[in-house]
Amino acid sequence: MTTDTAGTRTPDLPAARPGRPRTEGHDERILDAALALVDRDEAVTVSAVVALSGVSRAALYRRWPSMNDLIAAALDRGRADIVIDTSGDVKEAIVGVMFHHQVASRGGGFSERRFRRRLALVMENRELQQAYWTSHVSRRRVAIASALQVAVDRGQLRGDLDLEACIDAINGVYYYQAVVRGSSLDDRETLRRCREAFEVVWRGMSAGEG
């Protein structure tokens, strides 16, 4: 059983069975329909997705094992994997991705409203939250974890660091701005606070003067 966006318990989609090959374009239509429902603040249900996408229930069942998996994929629509070039200064490379190339790191579909809607959905539904973390968020953390490990190997950062905790500390300041302060992530003062918090965390991670 899974929980839909309205908080009600719904059955998982049936397990995929052998059958006709997937039709090209179905995945995109299904994801676009699910994301459109999210943007409209409407419940993402099998019936609603089928009606909006024009794709059959059978096609939907073949692609996603549960509605939570589908919604998680829709919430990540348009977001690219993060790439960090560690051939030069690791710190500056991370700063470049986080503060100077935000459109690329957030994805072309980013908007404040969608960001807040995504937060609301995953906070309402723990199963969706776990599906989104497992399939998408954790994958995007690989690049920064690898970059931090390079800095550790070079002796720039301490060797005893818990890199997962470090990433939580670096990323967490953004969520504090949005969730607690209610600030826009495009606001200059918000970005200044985030950058200063990054510097504080980096100094704490540094093996020497950072």
N, C-alpha and C. Protein backbone atom coordinates (compact mmCIF):
# COMPACT_ATOMS: atom_id res chain seq x y z
N MET A 1 0.84 -1.20 0.00
CA MET A 1 0.00 0.00 0.00
C MET A 1 0.87 1.25 0.00
N THR A 2 0.41 2.31 -0.67
CA THR A 2 1.09 3.59 -0.64
C THR A 2 0.10 4.68 -0.26
N THR A 3 0.62 5.87 0.00
CA THR A 3 -0.21 7.00 0.37
C THR A 3 -0.18 8.01 -0.75
N ASP A 4 -1.35 8.46 -1.24
CA ASP A 4 -1.36 9.42 -2.32
C ASP A 4 -1.21 10.83 -1.78
N THR A 5 -1.23 11.82 -2.67
CA THR A 5 -0.97 13.19 -2.25
C THR A 5 -2.03 13.75 -1.33
N ALA A 6 -3.18 13.13 -1.28
CA ALA A 6 -4.23 13.60 -0.37
C ALA A 6 -4.12 12.95 0.99
N GLY A 7 -3.15 12.03 1.14
CA GLY A 7 -2.92 11.39 2.44
C GLY A 7 -3.68 10.11 2.63
N THR A 8 -4.37 9.62 1.59
CA THR A 8 -5.14 8.39 1.72
C THR A 8 -4.32 7.21 1.26
N ARG A 9 -4.60 6.05 1.81
CA ARG A 9 -3.87 4.83 1.47
C ARG A 9 -4.41 4.26 0.16
N THR A 10 -3.50 3.97 -0.76
CA THR A 10 -3.91 3.42 -2.04
C THR A 10 -3.03 2.22 -2.36
N PRO A 11 -3.55 1.27 -3.14
CA PRO A 11 -2.75 0.09 -3.47
C PRO A 11 -1.58 0.45 -4.36
N ASP A 12 -0.48 -0.31 -4.22
CA ASP A 12 0.62 -0.18 -5.16
C ASP A 12 0.13 -0.58 -6.54
N LEU A 13 0.79 -0.03 -7.57
CA LEU A 13 0.45 -0.45 -8.92
C LEU A 13 0.87 -1.92 -9.10
N PRO A 14 0.16 -2.65 -9.93
CA PRO A 14 0.52 -4.05 -10.14
C PRO A 14 1.94 -4.18 -10.66
N ALA A 15 2.60 -5.29 -10.31
CA ALA A 15 3.96 -5.51 -10.79
C ALA A 15 3.98 -5.64 -12.31
N ALA A 16 5.07 -5.16 -12.90
CA ALA A 16 5.20 -5.21 -14.35
C ALA A 16 5.21 -6.66 -14.83
N ARG A 17 4.54 -6.91 -15.94
CA ARG A 17 4.49 -8.25 -16.51
C ARG A 17 4.97 -8.21 -17.95
N PRO A 18 5.49 -9.33 -18.45
CA PRO A 18 5.92 -9.36 -19.85
C PRO A 18 4.76 -8.97 -20.76
N GLY A 19 5.07 -8.28 -21.81
CA GLY A 19 4.02 -7.87 -22.73
C GLY A 19 4.62 -7.14 -23.90
N ARG A 20 3.83 -6.26 -24.51
CA ARG A 20 4.32 -5.50 -25.65
C ARG A 20 5.43 -4.55 -25.23
N PRO A 21 6.38 -4.24 -26.14
CA PRO A 21 7.45 -3.30 -25.81
C PRO A 21 6.88 -1.91 -25.53
N ARG A 22 7.63 -1.13 -24.77
CA ARG A 22 7.17 0.22 -24.43
C ARG A 22 7.09 1.09 -25.67
N THR A 23 6.06 1.91 -25.73
CA THR A 23 5.88 2.83 -26.84
C THR A 23 6.70 4.09 -26.58
N GLU A 24 7.44 4.53 -27.58
CA GLU A 24 8.28 5.71 -27.44
C GLU A 24 7.42 6.93 -27.10
N GLY A 25 7.86 7.71 -26.14
CA GLY A 25 7.15 8.93 -25.77
C GLY A 25 6.18 8.77 -24.63
N HIS A 26 5.84 7.52 -24.28
CA HIS A 26 4.89 7.30 -23.19
C HIS A 26 5.45 7.81 -21.86
N ASP A 27 6.71 7.52 -21.59
CA ASP A 27 7.31 7.95 -20.32
C ASP A 27 7.18 9.46 -20.15
N GLU A 28 7.53 10.20 -21.21
CA GLU A 28 7.48 11.66 -21.15
C GLU A 28 6.06 12.17 -20.93
N ARG A 29 5.08 11.58 -21.63
CA ARG A 29 3.70 12.02 -21.47
C ARG A 29 3.19 11.75 -20.05
N ILE A 30 3.56 10.60 -19.50
CA ILE A 30 3.13 10.26 -18.15
C ILE A 30 3.75 11.21 -17.13
N LEU A 31 5.05 11.45 -17.26
CA LEU A 31 5.73 12.34 -16.32
C LEU A 31 5.22 13.77 -16.45
N ASP A 32 5.00 14.23 -17.66
CA ASP A 32 4.48 15.58 -17.86
C ASP A 32 3.09 15.73 -17.24
N ALA A 33 2.27 14.70 -17.38
CA ALA A 33 0.93 14.74 -16.81
C ALA A 33 0.99 14.78 -15.28
N ALA A 34 1.84 13.94 -14.71
CA ALA A 34 1.97 13.91 -13.25
C ALA A 34 2.47 15.25 -12.73
N LEU A 35 3.45 15.85 -13.41
CA LEU A 35 3.98 17.13 -12.97
C LEU A 35 2.96 18.24 -13.13
N ALA A 36 2.17 18.18 -14.18
CA ALA A 36 1.11 19.18 -14.37
C ALA A 36 0.10 19.12 -13.23
N LEU A 37 -0.24 17.91 -12.79
CA LEU A 37 -1.16 17.76 -11.66
C LEU A 37 -0.54 18.33 -10.38
N VAL A 38 0.76 18.09 -10.18
CA VAL A 38 1.45 18.66 -9.02
C VAL A 38 1.38 20.18 -9.06
N ASP A 39 1.67 20.75 -10.23
CA ASP A 39 1.67 22.21 -10.37
C ASP A 39 0.28 22.81 -10.15
N ARG A 40 -0.76 22.02 -10.43
CA ARG A 40 -2.13 22.50 -10.23
C ARG A 40 -2.63 22.24 -8.80
N ASP A 41 -1.79 21.64 -7.97
CA ASP A 41 -2.18 21.25 -6.62
C ASP A 41 -3.32 20.24 -6.63
N GLU A 42 -3.33 19.37 -7.64
CA GLU A 42 -4.34 18.32 -7.74
C GLU A 42 -3.71 16.98 -7.36
N ALA A 43 -4.52 16.07 -6.87
CA ALA A 43 -4.04 14.75 -6.48
C ALA A 43 -3.52 14.00 -7.70
N VAL A 44 -2.37 13.38 -7.56
CA VAL A 44 -1.78 12.59 -8.65
C VAL A 44 -2.26 11.16 -8.47
N THR A 45 -3.29 10.80 -9.18
CA THR A 45 -3.87 9.46 -9.12
C THR A 45 -3.71 8.79 -10.48
N VAL A 46 -3.88 7.48 -10.50
CA VAL A 46 -3.79 6.75 -11.76
C VAL A 46 -4.80 7.30 -12.76
N SER A 47 -6.04 7.49 -12.33
CA SER A 47 -7.09 7.96 -13.23
C SER A 47 -6.76 9.34 -13.80
N ALA A 48 -6.26 10.22 -12.94
CA ALA A 48 -5.95 11.59 -13.39
C ALA A 48 -4.80 11.58 -14.38
N VAL A 49 -3.77 10.79 -14.11
CA VAL A 49 -2.62 10.73 -15.01
C VAL A 49 -3.02 10.13 -16.35
N VAL A 50 -3.81 9.06 -16.32
CA VAL A 50 -4.27 8.43 -17.57
C VAL A 50 -5.09 9.41 -18.39
N ALA A 51 -6.00 10.14 -17.75
CA ALA A 51 -6.86 11.08 -18.46
C ALA A 51 -6.06 12.22 -19.08
N LEU A 52 -5.08 12.72 -18.37
CA LEU A 52 -4.32 13.88 -18.83
C LEU A 52 -3.26 13.50 -19.87
N SER A 53 -2.68 12.32 -19.72
CA SER A 53 -1.59 11.91 -20.62
C SER A 53 -2.09 11.23 -21.88
N GLY A 54 -3.27 10.61 -21.80
CA GLY A 54 -3.76 9.84 -22.93
C GLY A 54 -3.13 8.47 -23.04
N VAL A 55 -2.36 8.09 -22.02
CA VAL A 55 -1.68 6.79 -21.99
C VAL A 55 -2.55 5.80 -21.22
N SER A 56 -2.54 4.57 -21.60
CA SER A 56 -3.39 3.57 -20.96
C SER A 56 -2.91 3.23 -19.56
N ARG A 57 -3.82 2.69 -18.75
CA ARG A 57 -3.45 2.22 -17.41
C ARG A 57 -2.36 1.14 -17.50
N ALA A 58 -2.51 0.25 -18.49
CA ALA A 58 -1.53 -0.84 -18.63
C ALA A 58 -0.14 -0.27 -18.87
N ALA A 59 -0.06 0.78 -19.68
CA ALA A 59 1.25 1.40 -19.96
C ALA A 59 1.82 2.04 -18.71
N LEU A 60 0.96 2.63 -17.92
CA LEU A 60 1.40 3.24 -16.67
C LEU A 60 1.87 2.17 -15.70
N TYR A 61 1.12 1.09 -15.59
CA TYR A 61 1.48 0.01 -14.67
C TYR A 61 2.83 -0.63 -15.03
N ARG A 62 3.14 -0.66 -16.34
CA ARG A 62 4.39 -1.29 -16.76
C ARG A 62 5.61 -0.45 -16.39
N ARG A 63 5.41 0.82 -16.14
CA ARG A 63 6.55 1.73 -15.98
C ARG A 63 6.92 2.05 -14.54
N TRP A 64 5.95 2.16 -13.67
CA TRP A 64 6.24 2.53 -12.28
C TRP A 64 5.56 1.57 -11.32
N PRO A 65 6.33 1.03 -10.35
CA PRO A 65 5.77 0.05 -9.43
C PRO A 65 4.76 0.64 -8.45
N SER A 66 4.81 1.96 -8.24
CA SER A 66 3.84 2.60 -7.34
C SER A 66 3.67 4.05 -7.74
N MET A 67 2.59 4.67 -7.27
CA MET A 67 2.37 6.08 -7.55
C MET A 67 3.45 6.94 -6.91
N ASN A 68 3.97 6.52 -5.77
CA ASN A 68 5.05 7.29 -5.14
C ASN A 68 6.28 7.36 -6.02
N ASP A 69 6.61 6.24 -6.70
CA ASP A 69 7.75 6.25 -7.61
C ASP A 69 7.50 7.18 -8.79
N LEU A 70 6.29 7.19 -9.30
CA LEU A 70 5.94 8.08 -10.41
C LEU A 70 6.02 9.54 -9.98
N ILE A 71 5.44 9.86 -8.83
CA ILE A 71 5.45 11.25 -8.36
C ILE A 71 6.89 11.71 -8.10
N ALA A 72 7.70 10.84 -7.52
CA ALA A 72 9.11 11.19 -7.27
C ALA A 72 9.82 11.51 -8.57
N ALA A 73 9.58 10.71 -9.61
CA ALA A 73 10.21 10.96 -10.91
C ALA A 73 9.70 12.26 -11.51
N ALA A 74 8.41 12.54 -11.33
CA ALA A 74 7.84 13.79 -11.87
C ALA A 74 8.43 15.00 -11.15
N LEU A 75 8.60 14.90 -9.84
CA LEU A 75 9.14 16.02 -9.08
C LEU A 75 10.57 16.34 -9.50
N ASP A 76 11.27 15.34 -10.03
CA ASP A 76 12.66 15.54 -10.44
C ASP A 76 12.78 15.88 -11.93
N ARG A 77 11.65 16.02 -12.59
CA ARG A 77 11.63 16.27 -14.04
C ARG A 77 12.44 17.52 -14.38
N GLY A 78 13.35 17.40 -15.33
CA GLY A 78 14.13 18.53 -15.79
C GLY A 78 15.39 18.82 -15.01
N ARG A 79 15.63 18.08 -13.94
CA ARG A 79 16.83 18.31 -13.13
C ARG A 79 17.96 17.41 -13.60
N ALA A 80 19.08 18.02 -13.91
CA ALA A 80 20.22 17.27 -14.43
C ALA A 80 21.12 16.83 -13.29
N ASP A 81 21.90 15.79 -13.54
CA ASP A 81 22.90 15.37 -12.56
C ASP A 81 23.96 16.46 -12.43
N ILE A 82 24.48 16.64 -11.23
CA ILE A 82 25.49 17.65 -10.97
C ILE A 82 26.86 17.12 -11.38
N VAL A 83 27.64 17.97 -12.05
CA VAL A 83 29.00 17.63 -12.45
C VAL A 83 29.94 18.65 -11.84
N ILE A 84 30.94 18.18 -11.10
CA ILE A 84 31.92 19.07 -10.47
C ILE A 84 33.31 18.72 -10.99
N ASP A 85 33.97 19.68 -11.62
CA ASP A 85 35.31 19.48 -12.17
C ASP A 85 36.33 19.66 -11.05
N THR A 86 36.98 18.57 -10.66
CA THR A 86 37.94 18.62 -9.57
C THR A 86 39.39 18.67 -10.05
N SER A 87 39.58 19.00 -11.32
CA SER A 87 40.95 19.08 -11.84
C SER A 87 41.69 20.29 -11.27
N GLY A 88 40.93 21.31 -10.84
CA GLY A 88 41.52 22.49 -10.24
C GLY A 88 41.21 22.56 -8.76
N ASP A 89 40.90 23.76 -8.27
CA ASP A 89 40.58 23.98 -6.86
C ASP A 89 39.20 23.40 -6.55
N VAL A 90 39.13 22.45 -5.65
CA VAL A 90 37.87 21.77 -5.34
C VAL A 90 36.86 22.73 -4.73
N LYS A 91 37.30 23.53 -3.79
CA LYS A 91 36.38 24.46 -3.13
C LYS A 91 35.73 25.40 -4.14
N GLU A 92 36.54 25.99 -5.02
CA GLU A 92 36.00 26.91 -6.00
C GLU A 92 35.08 26.20 -6.99
N ALA A 93 35.37 24.95 -7.28
CA ALA A 93 34.49 24.19 -8.18
C ALA A 93 33.11 23.97 -7.55
N ILE A 94 33.10 23.65 -6.25
CA ILE A 94 31.82 23.46 -5.54
C ILE A 94 31.08 24.78 -5.44
N VAL A 95 31.79 25.85 -5.11
CA VAL A 95 31.18 27.19 -5.03
C VAL A 95 30.58 27.57 -6.38
N GLY A 96 31.28 27.24 -7.46
CA GLY A 96 30.77 27.56 -8.79
C GLY A 96 29.44 26.90 -9.08
N VAL A 97 29.34 25.62 -8.71
CA VAL A 97 28.09 24.89 -8.95
C VAL A 97 26.97 25.41 -8.06
N MET A 98 27.28 25.68 -6.78
CA MET A 98 26.24 26.04 -5.82
C MET A 98 25.77 27.49 -5.94
N PHE A 99 26.69 28.39 -6.32
CA PHE A 99 26.36 29.82 -6.26
C PHE A 99 26.43 30.55 -7.60
N HIS A 100 27.19 30.03 -8.55
CA HIS A 100 27.35 30.75 -9.81
C HIS A 100 26.65 30.10 -10.99
N HIS A 101 26.29 28.84 -10.84
CA HIS A 101 25.63 28.13 -11.94
C HIS A 101 24.36 27.47 -11.41
N GLN A 102 23.55 28.23 -10.70
CA GLN A 102 22.38 27.66 -10.02
C GLN A 102 21.33 27.14 -10.98
N VAL A 103 21.15 27.82 -12.12
CA VAL A 103 20.14 27.37 -13.07
C VAL A 103 20.46 25.96 -13.55
N ALA A 104 21.75 25.72 -13.85
CA ALA A 104 22.14 24.39 -14.33
C ALA A 104 21.99 23.35 -13.23
N SER A 105 22.36 23.70 -11.99
CA SER A 105 22.31 22.70 -10.92
C SER A 105 20.88 22.44 -10.47
N ARG A 106 20.02 23.46 -10.52
CA ARG A 106 18.62 23.26 -10.12
C ARG A 106 17.82 22.56 -11.20
N GLY A 107 18.17 22.82 -12.45
CA GLY A 107 17.40 22.26 -13.56
C GLY A 107 16.53 23.32 -14.19
N GLY A 108 16.27 23.13 -15.49
CA GLY A 108 15.51 24.13 -16.23
C GLY A 108 14.08 24.30 -15.76
N GLY A 109 13.54 23.30 -15.04
CA GLY A 109 12.16 23.39 -14.59
C GLY A 109 11.99 23.99 -13.21
N PHE A 110 13.08 24.56 -12.65
CA PHE A 110 13.01 25.07 -11.29
C PHE A 110 12.13 26.32 -11.21
N SER A 111 11.32 26.38 -10.18
CA SER A 111 10.60 27.60 -9.82
C SER A 111 10.38 27.56 -8.32
N GLU A 112 10.25 28.74 -7.70
CA GLU A 112 10.03 28.78 -6.26
C GLU A 112 8.77 28.02 -5.89
N ARG A 113 7.73 28.19 -6.68
CA ARG A 113 6.45 27.54 -6.36
C ARG A 113 6.59 26.02 -6.42
N ARG A 114 7.25 25.52 -7.46
CA ARG A 114 7.42 24.07 -7.59
C ARG A 114 8.31 23.53 -6.48
N PHE A 115 9.35 24.30 -6.13
CA PHE A 115 10.23 23.90 -5.04
C PHE A 115 9.45 23.74 -3.74
N ARG A 116 8.60 24.72 -3.44
CA ARG A 116 7.81 24.66 -2.20
C ARG A 116 6.76 23.56 -2.26
N ARG A 117 6.19 23.35 -3.43
CA ARG A 117 5.21 22.28 -3.59
C ARG A 117 5.87 20.92 -3.37
N ARG A 118 7.10 20.78 -3.89
CA ARG A 118 7.83 19.53 -3.69
C ARG A 118 8.08 19.29 -2.21
N LEU A 119 8.50 20.33 -1.49
CA LEU A 119 8.72 20.21 -0.06
C LEU A 119 7.45 19.77 0.66
N ALA A 120 6.33 20.41 0.31
CA ALA A 120 5.06 20.08 0.96
C ALA A 120 4.67 18.63 0.72
N LEU A 121 4.81 18.17 -0.51
CA LEU A 121 4.41 16.80 -0.83
C LEU A 121 5.24 15.78 -0.08
N VAL A 122 6.55 15.95 -0.06
CA VAL A 122 7.38 14.94 0.59
C VAL A 122 7.24 14.98 2.11
N MET A 123 6.91 16.15 2.66
CA MET A 123 6.70 16.22 4.11
C MET A 123 5.37 15.59 4.51
N GLU A 124 4.40 15.61 3.61
CA GLU A 124 3.09 15.01 3.89
C GLU A 124 3.11 13.49 3.77
N ASN A 125 4.05 12.97 3.00
CA ASN A 125 4.02 11.55 2.64
C ASN A 125 5.42 10.97 2.81
N ARG A 126 5.64 10.26 3.90
CA ARG A 126 6.98 9.73 4.18
C ARG A 126 7.43 8.71 3.13
N GLU A 127 6.50 7.91 2.61
CA GLU A 127 6.87 6.93 1.60
C GLU A 127 7.34 7.62 0.32
N LEU A 128 6.67 8.72 -0.05
CA LEU A 128 7.10 9.51 -1.20
C LEU A 128 8.46 10.13 -0.92
N GLN A 129 8.65 10.62 0.29
CA GLN A 129 9.92 11.22 0.68
C GLN A 129 11.06 10.22 0.50
N GLN A 130 10.85 8.99 0.95
CA GLN A 130 11.88 7.97 0.83
C GLN A 130 12.12 7.59 -0.63
N ALA A 131 11.06 7.52 -1.42
CA ALA A 131 11.21 7.19 -2.84
C ALA A 131 11.99 8.29 -3.55
N TYR A 132 11.70 9.55 -3.22
CA TYR A 132 12.39 10.68 -3.85
C TYR A 132 13.86 10.70 -3.44
N TRP A 133 14.12 10.42 -2.17
CA TRP A 133 15.50 10.38 -1.68
C TRP A 133 16.29 9.27 -2.38
N THR A 134 15.73 8.07 -2.40
CA THR A 134 16.44 6.92 -2.92
C THR A 134 16.71 7.03 -4.42
N SER A 135 15.71 7.47 -5.16
CA SER A 135 15.82 7.46 -6.63
C SER A 135 16.51 8.69 -7.19
N HIS A 136 16.45 9.82 -6.49
CA HIS A 136 16.89 11.07 -7.11
C HIS A 136 17.86 11.89 -6.25
N VAL A 137 17.46 12.25 -5.05
CA VAL A 137 18.29 13.15 -4.25
C VAL A 137 19.65 12.52 -3.94
N SER A 138 19.66 11.29 -3.47
CA SER A 138 20.92 10.65 -3.11
C SER A 138 21.85 10.53 -4.32
N ARG A 139 21.28 10.36 -5.50
CA ARG A 139 22.09 10.25 -6.72
C ARG A 139 22.82 11.57 -7.00
N ARG A 140 22.14 12.69 -6.78
CA ARG A 140 22.77 13.99 -7.08
C ARG A 140 23.84 14.36 -6.06
N ARG A 141 23.85 13.69 -4.90
CA ARG A 141 24.87 13.98 -3.90
C ARG A 141 26.21 13.31 -4.21
N VAL A 142 26.21 12.38 -5.15
CA VAL A 142 27.43 11.64 -5.46
C VAL A 142 28.54 12.57 -5.92
N ALA A 143 28.21 13.57 -6.74
CA ALA A 143 29.23 14.46 -7.29
C ALA A 143 29.93 15.26 -6.20
N ILE A 144 29.14 15.82 -5.27
CA ILE A 144 29.77 16.63 -4.21
C ILE A 144 30.52 15.73 -3.23
N ALA A 145 30.01 14.52 -2.98
CA ALA A 145 30.73 13.59 -2.11
C ALA A 145 32.08 13.22 -2.72
N SER A 146 32.09 12.99 -4.02
CA SER A 146 33.34 12.66 -4.71
C SER A 146 34.30 13.84 -4.69
N ALA A 147 33.77 15.06 -4.86
CA ALA A 147 34.62 16.25 -4.84
C ALA A 147 35.23 16.46 -3.46
N LEU A 148 34.43 16.27 -2.42
CA LEU A 148 34.96 16.41 -1.06
C LEU A 148 36.01 15.35 -0.77
N GLN A 149 35.81 14.14 -1.28
CA GLN A 149 36.80 13.08 -1.07
C GLN A 149 38.11 13.44 -1.76
N VAL A 150 38.04 14.06 -2.93
CA VAL A 150 39.26 14.51 -3.61
C VAL A 150 40.01 15.51 -2.74
N ALA A 151 39.25 16.44 -2.12
CA ALA A 151 39.88 17.43 -1.25
C ALA A 151 40.50 16.78 -0.02
N VAL A 152 39.86 15.73 0.49
CA VAL A 152 40.44 14.97 1.61
C VAL A 152 41.73 14.30 1.17
N ASP A 153 41.70 13.66 0.02
CA ASP A 153 42.87 12.95 -0.49
C ASP A 153 44.04 13.89 -0.74
N ARG A 154 43.73 15.14 -1.08
CA ARG A 154 44.78 16.13 -1.33
C ARG A 154 45.28 16.79 -0.04
N GLY A 155 44.65 16.45 1.07
CA GLY A 155 45.05 17.03 2.33
C GLY A 155 44.47 18.40 2.62
N GLN A 156 43.49 18.82 1.80
CA GLN A 156 42.84 20.12 2.01
C GLN A 156 41.78 20.04 3.11
N LEU A 157 41.13 18.90 3.20
CA LEU A 157 40.11 18.69 4.21
C LEU A 157 40.55 17.58 5.15
N ARG A 158 40.01 17.59 6.36
CA ARG A 158 40.38 16.61 7.38
C ARG A 158 40.04 15.19 6.95
N GLY A 159 40.87 14.26 7.34
CA GLY A 159 40.66 12.88 6.96
C GLY A 159 39.59 12.16 7.77
N ASP A 160 39.15 12.76 8.90
CA ASP A 160 38.18 12.11 9.77
C ASP A 160 36.75 12.58 9.51
N LEU A 161 36.53 13.27 8.40
CA LEU A 161 35.21 13.84 8.14
C LEU A 161 34.17 12.77 7.80
N ASP A 162 32.95 12.99 8.30
CA ASP A 162 31.79 12.23 7.84
C ASP A 162 31.23 13.03 6.67
N LEU A 163 31.53 12.60 5.45
CA LEU A 163 31.17 13.40 4.28
C LEU A 163 29.66 13.55 4.10
N GLU A 164 28.90 12.53 4.48
CA GLU A 164 27.44 12.65 4.38
C GLU A 164 26.93 13.77 5.29
N ALA A 165 27.48 13.85 6.50
CA ALA A 165 27.08 14.91 7.43
C ALA A 165 27.51 16.27 6.89
N CYS A 166 28.67 16.33 6.27
CA CYS A 166 29.15 17.59 5.69
C CYS A 166 28.22 18.08 4.58
N ILE A 167 27.77 17.16 3.74
CA ILE A 167 26.85 17.54 2.66
C ILE A 167 25.52 18.02 3.24
N ASP A 168 25.05 17.34 4.28
CA ASP A 168 23.82 17.79 4.95
C ASP A 168 23.97 19.22 5.45
N ALA A 169 25.14 19.53 6.05
CA ALA A 169 25.37 20.86 6.60
C ALA A 169 25.42 21.91 5.49
N ILE A 170 26.07 21.57 4.37
CA ILE A 170 26.19 22.51 3.25
C ILE A 170 24.84 22.77 2.61
N ASN A 171 24.08 21.71 2.35
CA ASN A 171 22.78 21.86 1.68
C ASN A 171 21.69 22.36 2.62
N GLY A 172 21.84 22.03 3.91
CA GLY A 172 20.77 22.34 4.86
C GLY A 172 20.45 23.80 4.98
N VAL A 173 21.45 24.67 4.79
CA VAL A 173 21.21 26.10 4.95
C VAL A 173 20.20 26.60 3.93
N TYR A 174 20.19 26.02 2.73
CA TYR A 174 19.23 26.43 1.71
C TYR A 174 17.80 26.13 2.17
N TYR A 175 17.61 24.94 2.72
CA TYR A 175 16.27 24.55 3.16
C TYR A 175 15.82 25.39 4.35
N TYR A 176 16.75 25.77 5.20
CA TYR A 176 16.40 26.64 6.34
C TYR A 176 15.88 27.98 5.82
N GLN A 177 16.55 28.51 4.80
CA GLN A 177 16.10 29.80 4.25
C GLN A 177 14.67 29.70 3.73
N ALA A 178 14.40 28.61 2.99
CA ALA A 178 13.09 28.47 2.36
C ALA A 178 12.00 28.08 3.34
N VAL A 179 12.32 27.12 4.23
CA VAL A 179 11.28 26.56 5.10
C VAL A 179 11.06 27.40 6.35
N VAL A 180 12.13 27.82 6.99
CA VAL A 180 12.00 28.53 8.26
C VAL A 180 11.89 30.04 8.06
N ARG A 181 12.81 30.60 7.29
CA ARG A 181 12.78 32.05 7.06
C ARG A 181 11.72 32.46 6.04
N GLY A 182 11.37 31.54 5.14
CA GLY A 182 10.42 31.89 4.08
C GLY A 182 11.03 32.79 3.03
N SER A 183 12.35 32.70 2.86
CA SER A 183 13.06 33.57 1.92
C SER A 183 13.11 32.96 0.53
N SER A 184 13.24 33.82 -0.47
CA SER A 184 13.42 33.36 -1.84
C SER A 184 14.87 32.96 -2.04
N LEU A 185 15.07 31.85 -2.73
CA LEU A 185 16.43 31.38 -3.00
C LEU A 185 17.11 32.20 -4.09
N ASP A 186 16.39 33.12 -4.70
CA ASP A 186 16.97 34.02 -5.68
C ASP A 186 17.30 35.38 -5.09
N ASP A 187 16.95 35.57 -3.82
CA ASP A 187 17.19 36.86 -3.17
C ASP A 187 18.68 37.03 -2.85
N ARG A 188 19.22 38.21 -3.11
CA ARG A 188 20.65 38.44 -2.92
C ARG A 188 21.08 38.24 -1.48
N GLU A 189 20.29 38.73 -0.53
CA GLU A 189 20.64 38.58 0.87
C GLU A 189 20.57 37.12 1.32
N THR A 190 19.61 36.39 0.79
CA THR A 190 19.52 34.96 1.08
C THR A 190 20.77 34.23 0.60
N LEU A 191 21.18 34.52 -0.61
CA LEU A 191 22.38 33.89 -1.16
C LEU A 191 23.63 34.28 -0.38
N ARG A 192 23.67 35.52 0.11
CA ARG A 192 24.82 35.94 0.92
C ARG A 192 24.90 35.11 2.19
N ARG A 193 23.76 34.88 2.85
CA ARG A 193 23.75 34.06 4.06
C ARG A 193 24.18 32.63 3.75
N CYS A 194 23.70 32.09 2.63
CA CYS A 194 24.06 30.73 2.25
C CYS A 194 25.56 30.62 1.97
N ARG A 195 26.09 31.62 1.30
CA ARG A 195 27.52 31.59 0.99
C ARG A 195 28.35 31.69 2.27
N GLU A 196 27.93 32.56 3.19
CA GLU A 196 28.66 32.70 4.45
C GLU A 196 28.59 31.41 5.25
N ALA A 197 27.43 30.76 5.25
CA ALA A 197 27.29 29.48 5.96
C ALA A 197 28.21 28.44 5.33
N PHE A 198 28.32 28.46 4.01
CA PHE A 198 29.23 27.52 3.32
C PHE A 198 30.67 27.75 3.79
N GLU A 199 31.07 29.01 3.91
CA GLU A 199 32.43 29.32 4.35
C GLU A 199 32.67 28.82 5.78
N VAL A 200 31.67 28.97 6.63
CA VAL A 200 31.79 28.49 8.01
C VAL A 200 31.99 26.98 8.03
N VAL A 201 31.16 26.27 7.25
CA VAL A 201 31.26 24.81 7.19
C VAL A 201 32.61 24.40 6.62
N TRP A 202 33.06 25.09 5.57
CA TRP A 202 34.33 24.73 4.95
C TRP A 202 35.49 24.91 5.92
N ARG A 203 35.46 26.00 6.70
CA ARG A 203 36.53 26.21 7.68
C ARG A 203 36.54 25.09 8.71
N GLY A 204 35.34 24.62 9.08
CA GLY A 204 35.27 23.52 10.04
C GLY A 204 35.78 22.21 9.47
N MET A 205 35.64 22.03 8.14
CA MET A 205 36.10 20.81 7.49
C MET A 205 37.59 20.85 7.16
N SER A 206 38.14 22.06 7.09
CA SER A 206 39.48 22.25 6.55
C SER A 206 40.56 21.62 7.45
N ALA A 207 41.58 21.08 6.76
CA ALA A 207 42.71 20.51 7.49
C ALA A 207 43.66 21.60 7.96
N GLY A 208 43.54 22.77 7.37
CA GLY A 208 44.39 23.90 7.77
C GLY A 208 43.63 25.18 7.61
N GLU A 209 44.29 26.24 7.28
CA GLU A 209 43.62 27.52 7.05
C GLU A 209 42.84 27.41 5.77
N GLY A 210 41.54 27.67 5.82
CA GLY A 210 40.73 27.55 4.60
C GLY A 210 40.08 28.81 4.25
